[in-house]
C-alpha cells in the first residue's frame, strides 16, 4: 500500500513540476536569461560571478512572473486555442490561487535579487513585469498596437545585462534595447501569421491592421531592414563603449539577410511554410547576434 502511495506522490510531484515549467515558460525564460547574460558580458570589464548568478536567477524570476500573470489573465482565452488549451490553468490542473502565489513570489524574489545588483536593474525588471502584465496582455484583444507595447518588456533583458554590469543607462544600453526591440516585430508577426486563425478565435489582434495580407508582410520586411541597420550601427563607433569590427558588421548583415530573404519569400508565397522559416531564422538571428557581439568584444 505504501509503495502505491509513494508512486502516486512521485507522479503528483512530477506533474506539478511539468505544470510549473509550463506556467513559467522555462524555455522562453532561459532564452531571456541568455540575452541578459550576453548584455552583461558585453559591458563587464571583469566578470563578477556573484552578479552573473544573480542576473541569471533574477532574470528568470522576472520572466517567469510575467508568464504566470499572463496565463492567469488569459485562462479563458487560452482554452479556445489548440496551442494553449492544455496549459495548467485552462485544464484545471492548477488553481488560479496557486498560479498567483507563484507569480507574486517570483515578482518579489526577482526584483529583490536584481535590486541586490543595483537599483536601476530592479527598476527595469519591475517596468518589464508591469508592462507585459498590465498593458500588453490586456491590449492584445483591443488593438494590433499591443505588439509595439509588448516589444518594450521583450527588449529590456539584453539592455538589463549592460545596466547590471555598469549601473548606467546610456547610449550603449539604449542600442542593445533597440536591437532587440526592432527584432521582435518580424519575429512576433511571423508567429502571428502562423497562429492567425487561432488568435482570431481568442479575439487577439497580433498582425498589423489585424489582417493576414501582403500589407502585413511589407511591415515585416520594413522592420527587418530597420533591425539589420540598427544591429550594424555600432561599427560606426557612435554608440559609446559598444562598437564592433567591420568584419563583424558584415557577418551580422549576412545573418540578417537570411531573415530578409524569408520575409521576401513570404511576400511572394504568403504561405505558412515561409512564415515558419522566417520565425525560426529570427530565433537563430537574435541568438547568433548576441554571441557574435560578445566574441567581438573579447577580440578588442
Protein backbone atom coordinates (compact mmCIF):
# COMPACT_ATOMS: atom_id res chain seq x y z
CA UNK A 1 0.00 0.00 0.00
CA UNK A 2 2.83 2.36 0.95
CA UNK A 3 4.61 1.68 -2.33
CA UNK A 4 1.44 2.62 -4.24
CA UNK A 5 1.08 5.92 -2.34
CA UNK A 6 4.79 6.57 -2.87
CA UNK A 7 4.37 6.13 -6.64
CA UNK A 8 1.31 8.42 -6.57
CA UNK A 9 3.27 11.08 -4.66
CA UNK A 10 6.11 10.90 -7.18
CA UNK A 11 3.63 11.18 -10.03
CA UNK A 12 1.93 14.18 -8.38
CA UNK A 13 5.27 15.94 -7.86
CA UNK A 14 6.31 15.19 -11.44
CA UNK A 15 3.02 16.55 -12.79
CA UNK A 16 3.34 19.71 -10.68
CA UNK A 17 6.90 20.29 -11.93
CA UNK A 18 5.69 19.88 -15.54
CA UNK A 19 2.84 22.34 -14.93
CA UNK A 20 5.20 24.73 -13.15
CA UNK A 21 7.51 24.69 -16.19
CA UNK A 22 4.53 25.41 -18.49
CA UNK A 23 3.26 28.22 -16.28
CA UNK A 24 6.63 30.00 -16.15
CA UNK A 25 7.58 29.01 -19.73
CA UNK A 26 11.02 27.69 -18.81
CA UNK A 27 12.32 27.61 -22.40
CA UNK A 28 11.38 31.22 -23.08
CA UNK A 29 12.66 32.30 -19.65
CA UNK A 30 16.05 30.71 -20.31
CA UNK A 31 16.34 32.45 -23.70
CA UNK A 32 15.67 35.77 -21.93
CA UNK A 33 18.29 34.95 -19.30
CA UNK A 34 20.69 34.25 -22.19
CA UNK A 35 20.03 37.78 -23.54
CA UNK A 36 20.68 39.34 -20.13
CA UNK A 37 23.93 37.43 -19.71
CA UNK A 38 25.06 38.46 -23.22
CA UNK A 39 24.38 42.11 -22.32
CA UNK A 40 26.33 41.68 -19.09
CA UNK A 41 29.35 40.09 -20.79
CA UNK A 42 29.35 42.91 -23.38
CA UNK A 43 29.64 45.55 -20.64
CA UNK A 44 31.66 43.91 -17.86
CA UNK A 45 35.36 44.73 -17.66
CA UNK A 46 35.78 41.89 -15.17
CA UNK A 47 33.10 39.22 -14.80
CA UNK A 48 31.73 39.23 -11.24
CA UNK A 49 30.47 35.67 -10.67
CA UNK A 50 28.02 36.77 -7.97
CA UNK A 51 26.40 39.44 -10.19
CA UNK A 52 26.38 36.95 -13.08
CA UNK A 53 24.46 34.39 -11.00
CA UNK A 54 22.09 36.99 -9.52
CA UNK A 55 21.32 38.34 -13.00
CA UNK A 56 20.53 34.84 -14.28
CA UNK A 57 18.28 33.94 -11.34
CA UNK A 58 16.66 37.39 -11.06
CA UNK A 59 16.04 37.45 -14.81
CA UNK A 60 14.45 34.00 -14.70
CA UNK A 61 12.12 35.05 -11.87
CA UNK A 62 11.21 38.25 -13.72
CA UNK A 63 10.15 36.44 -16.92
CA UNK A 64 8.55 33.57 -15.03
CA UNK A 65 6.40 36.06 -13.10
CA UNK A 66 5.29 37.82 -16.30
CA UNK A 67 4.34 34.50 -17.91
CA UNK A 68 2.45 33.30 -14.83
CA UNK A 69 0.44 36.54 -14.56
CA UNK A 70 -0.23 36.38 -18.31
CA UNK A 71 -1.65 32.86 -18.06
CA UNK A 72 -3.88 33.81 -15.12
CA UNK A 73 -5.32 36.73 -17.11
CA UNK A 74 -5.72 34.66 -20.29
CA UNK A 75 -7.03 31.48 -18.68
CA UNK A 76 -10.34 31.64 -20.57
CA UNK A 77 -8.91 32.65 -23.96
CA UNK A 78 -6.16 30.00 -23.63
CA UNK A 79 -8.88 27.37 -23.50
CA UNK A 80 -10.02 28.43 -27.01
CA UNK A 81 -6.69 27.82 -28.79
CA UNK A 82 -5.09 24.47 -29.62
CA UNK A 83 -1.61 25.79 -28.76
CA UNK A 84 -2.62 26.82 -25.24
CA UNK A 85 -5.67 24.75 -24.25
CA UNK A 86 -3.55 22.14 -22.44
CA UNK A 87 -1.85 24.66 -20.17
CA UNK A 88 -2.26 24.05 -16.40
CA UNK A 89 -4.95 26.73 -15.80
CA UNK A 90 -7.42 26.07 -18.67
CA UNK A 91 -7.35 22.34 -17.90
CA UNK A 92 -7.86 22.93 -14.18
CA UNK A 93 -4.69 21.03 -13.24
CA UNK A 94 -3.53 24.14 -11.36
CA UNK A 95 -5.70 26.61 -9.46
CA UNK A 96 -5.60 30.35 -10.09
CA UNK A 97 -4.56 30.93 -6.46
CA UNK A 98 -1.53 28.61 -6.88
CA UNK A 99 -0.55 30.35 -10.12
CA UNK A 100 -0.89 33.79 -8.49
CA UNK A 101 1.19 32.66 -5.49
CA UNK A 102 3.96 31.62 -7.89
CA UNK A 103 3.61 34.87 -9.89
CA UNK A 104 3.78 37.17 -6.86
CA UNK A 105 6.62 35.16 -5.27
CA UNK A 106 8.63 35.33 -8.48
CA UNK A 107 7.97 39.08 -8.77
CA UNK A 108 9.20 39.80 -5.24
CA UNK A 109 12.20 37.47 -5.50
CA UNK A 110 13.14 38.71 -8.98
CA UNK A 111 13.03 42.40 -8.09
CA UNK A 112 14.82 41.81 -4.76
CA UNK A 113 17.66 39.89 -6.45
CA UNK A 114 18.01 42.50 -9.20
CA UNK A 115 17.96 45.27 -6.57
CA UNK A 116 20.85 43.49 -4.88
CA UNK A 117 22.81 44.09 -8.11
CA UNK A 118 21.73 47.75 -8.38
CA UNK A 119 18.54 49.82 -8.15
CA UNK A 120 18.37 50.53 -11.90
CA UNK A 121 18.29 46.80 -12.70
CA UNK A 122 15.41 46.30 -10.27
CA UNK A 123 13.56 49.27 -11.77
CA UNK A 124 13.82 47.89 -15.32
CA UNK A 125 12.79 44.45 -14.07
CA UNK A 126 9.69 45.94 -12.42
CA UNK A 127 8.84 48.00 -15.53
CA UNK A 128 9.12 44.85 -17.65
CA UNK A 129 6.70 42.84 -15.48
CA UNK A 130 4.26 45.75 -15.25
CA UNK A 131 4.16 46.48 -19.00
CA UNK A 132 3.87 42.83 -20.01
CA UNK A 133 1.15 42.02 -17.50
CA UNK A 134 -0.84 45.21 -17.13
CA UNK A 135 -0.54 46.81 -20.59
CA UNK A 136 0.50 44.31 -23.28
CA UNK A 137 -1.70 41.39 -22.17
CA UNK A 138 -5.00 43.37 -21.97
CA UNK A 139 -4.22 45.26 -25.21
CA UNK A 140 -3.93 42.05 -27.27
CA UNK A 141 -7.71 41.84 -27.55
CA UNK A 142 -8.08 45.59 -28.29
CA UNK A 143 -5.51 46.66 -30.89
CA UNK A 144 -2.63 45.34 -33.06
CA UNK A 145 -0.52 48.06 -31.38
CA UNK A 146 -0.23 45.60 -28.48
CA UNK A 147 2.79 44.15 -30.31
CA UNK A 148 4.58 47.54 -30.02
CA UNK A 149 3.89 47.65 -26.28
CA UNK A 150 4.96 44.02 -25.85
CA UNK A 151 8.22 44.73 -27.66
CA UNK A 152 9.28 47.04 -24.79
CA UNK A 153 9.43 44.44 -21.99
CA UNK A 154 10.71 41.96 -24.59
CA UNK A 155 13.67 44.26 -25.36
CA UNK A 156 14.61 45.03 -21.75
CA UNK A 157 16.65 41.86 -20.91
CA UNK A 158 19.56 42.49 -23.34
CA UNK A 159 19.83 46.04 -22.04
CA UNK A 160 19.37 44.86 -18.43
CA UNK A 161 22.64 42.94 -18.61
CA UNK A 162 24.54 46.12 -19.51
CA UNK A 163 22.84 48.06 -16.70
CA UNK A 164 23.64 45.26 -14.22
CA UNK A 165 27.32 45.44 -15.17
CA UNK A 166 27.72 49.22 -15.27
CA UNK A 167 24.88 50.70 -13.17
CA UNK A 168 24.44 53.08 -16.11
CA UNK A 169 21.71 53.54 -18.70
CA UNK A 170 23.44 55.29 -21.58
CA UNK A 171 23.64 55.07 -25.36
CA UNK A 172 25.12 51.55 -25.19
CA UNK A 173 22.23 50.11 -23.19
CA UNK A 174 19.83 52.09 -25.38
CA UNK A 175 21.21 50.47 -28.53
CA UNK A 176 21.01 46.97 -27.05
CA UNK A 177 17.38 47.76 -26.29
CA UNK A 178 16.72 48.99 -29.86
CA UNK A 179 18.29 45.90 -31.46
CA UNK A 180 16.02 43.53 -29.55
CA UNK A 181 13.04 45.91 -29.86
CA UNK A 182 13.06 46.01 -33.67
CA UNK A 183 13.83 42.27 -33.90
CA UNK A 184 10.56 41.44 -32.19
CA UNK A 185 8.32 42.75 -34.97
CA UNK A 186 9.32 40.26 -37.69
CA UNK A 187 9.57 37.54 -35.03
CA UNK A 188 6.12 38.07 -33.50
CA UNK A 189 4.39 38.88 -36.75
CA UNK A 190 5.73 35.60 -38.20
CA UNK A 191 4.14 33.84 -35.22
CA UNK A 192 1.03 35.97 -35.67
CA UNK A 193 0.85 34.83 -39.29
CA UNK A 194 1.18 31.16 -38.32
CA UNK A 195 -1.33 31.40 -35.49
CA UNK A 196 -3.69 33.91 -37.16
CA UNK A 197 -6.79 31.70 -37.18
CA UNK A 198 -6.15 30.57 -33.59
CA UNK A 199 -5.66 34.15 -32.40
CA UNK A 200 -8.90 35.11 -34.16
CA UNK A 201 -10.76 32.53 -32.05
CA UNK A 202 -9.41 34.19 -28.91
CA UNK A 203 -10.07 37.70 -30.24
CA UNK A 204 -6.38 38.67 -30.29
CA UNK A 205 -5.03 41.30 -32.72
CA UNK A 206 -1.49 40.10 -33.44
CA UNK A 207 -0.88 41.22 -37.06
CA UNK A 208 -0.60 44.80 -38.38
CA UNK A 209 -4.13 46.10 -39.03
CA UNK A 210 -5.21 42.61 -37.87
CA UNK A 211 -5.09 41.32 -41.46
CA UNK A 212 -3.25 38.30 -42.86
CA UNK A 213 -2.26 40.01 -46.09
CA UNK A 214 0.66 41.43 -48.08
CA UNK A 215 0.41 44.69 -46.14
CA UNK A 216 1.43 42.77 -43.01
CA UNK A 217 4.38 41.20 -44.86
CA UNK A 218 5.54 44.63 -46.07
CA UNK A 219 5.70 45.69 -42.41
CA UNK A 220 7.67 42.53 -41.57
CA UNK A 221 10.19 43.33 -44.33
CA UNK A 222 10.43 47.00 -43.31
CA UNK A 223 11.14 46.21 -39.64
CA UNK A 224 13.64 43.50 -40.63
CA UNK A 225 15.62 46.11 -42.61
CA UNK A 226 15.49 48.55 -39.65
CA UNK A 227 16.66 45.73 -37.33
CA UNK A 228 19.65 44.94 -39.58
CA UNK A 229 20.65 48.63 -39.82
CA UNK A 230 20.41 49.13 -36.05
CA UNK A 231 22.36 45.89 -35.44
CA UNK A 232 25.33 47.04 -37.54
CA UNK A 233 25.31 50.70 -36.40
CA UNK A 234 27.93 50.06 -33.65
CA UNK A 235 30.53 49.68 -36.45
CA UNK A 236 30.29 53.48 -36.90
CA UNK A 237 31.56 53.97 -33.31
CA UNK A 238 28.64 56.26 -32.47
CA UNK A 239 27.39 54.01 -29.68
CA UNK A 240 29.85 54.84 -26.91
CA UNK A 241 31.84 51.93 -25.49
CA UNK A 242 29.80 49.46 -27.55
CA UNK A 243 31.35 49.11 -31.00
CA UNK A 244 32.13 46.29 -33.43
CA UNK A 245 34.71 45.49 -36.12
CA UNK A 246 33.72 45.96 -39.80
CA UNK A 247 34.04 42.18 -40.38
CA UNK A 248 31.60 41.61 -37.52
CA UNK A 249 29.13 44.05 -39.09
CA UNK A 250 29.33 42.12 -42.37
CA UNK A 251 28.62 38.79 -40.60
CA UNK A 252 25.65 40.33 -38.77
CA UNK A 253 24.31 41.87 -42.01
CA UNK A 254 24.53 38.46 -43.71
CA UNK A 255 22.71 36.82 -40.79
CA UNK A 256 20.01 39.48 -41.03
CA UNK A 257 19.91 38.92 -44.78
CA UNK A 258 18.65 35.37 -44.19
CA UNK A 259 15.69 36.77 -42.27
CA UNK A 260 15.09 39.32 -45.02
CA UNK A 261 15.22 36.53 -47.62
CA UNK A 262 12.48 34.57 -45.84
CA UNK A 263 10.46 37.78 -45.45
CA UNK A 264 10.63 38.32 -49.23
CA UNK A 265 9.75 34.65 -49.84
CA UNK A 266 6.76 35.07 -47.56
CA UNK A 267 5.70 38.11 -49.60
CA UNK A 268 5.87 36.01 -52.80
CA UNK A 269 4.06 32.94 -51.46
CA UNK A 270 2.03 34.14 -48.43
CA UNK A 271 2.47 30.58 -47.13
CA UNK A 272 2.74 29.30 -43.57
CA UNK A 273 5.81 27.30 -44.60
CA UNK A 274 7.76 30.51 -45.31
CA UNK A 275 6.37 32.19 -42.19
CA UNK A 276 7.70 29.27 -40.12
CA UNK A 277 11.13 29.58 -41.77
CA UNK A 278 11.13 33.31 -41.00
CA UNK A 279 10.19 32.66 -37.37
CA UNK A 280 12.95 30.04 -36.94
CA UNK A 281 15.53 32.23 -38.69
CA UNK A 282 14.62 35.10 -36.34
CA UNK A 283 15.33 32.93 -33.28
CA UNK A 284 18.68 31.89 -34.77
CA UNK A 285 19.46 35.52 -35.68
CA UNK A 286 18.98 37.04 -32.22
CA UNK A 287 20.96 34.25 -30.53
CA UNK A 288 23.76 34.43 -33.10
CA UNK A 289 24.00 38.22 -32.97
CA UNK A 290 24.32 38.25 -29.19
CA UNK A 291 27.06 35.62 -29.30
CA UNK A 292 28.87 37.48 -32.12
CA UNK A 293 28.78 40.78 -30.19
CA UNK A 294 30.34 39.09 -27.13
CA UNK A 295 33.07 37.37 -29.19
CA UNK A 296 33.79 40.69 -30.95
CA UNK A 297 34.12 42.48 -27.62
CA UNK A 298 36.71 39.98 -26.35
CA UNK A 299 38.71 40.41 -29.56
CA UNK A 300 39.14 44.17 -28.96
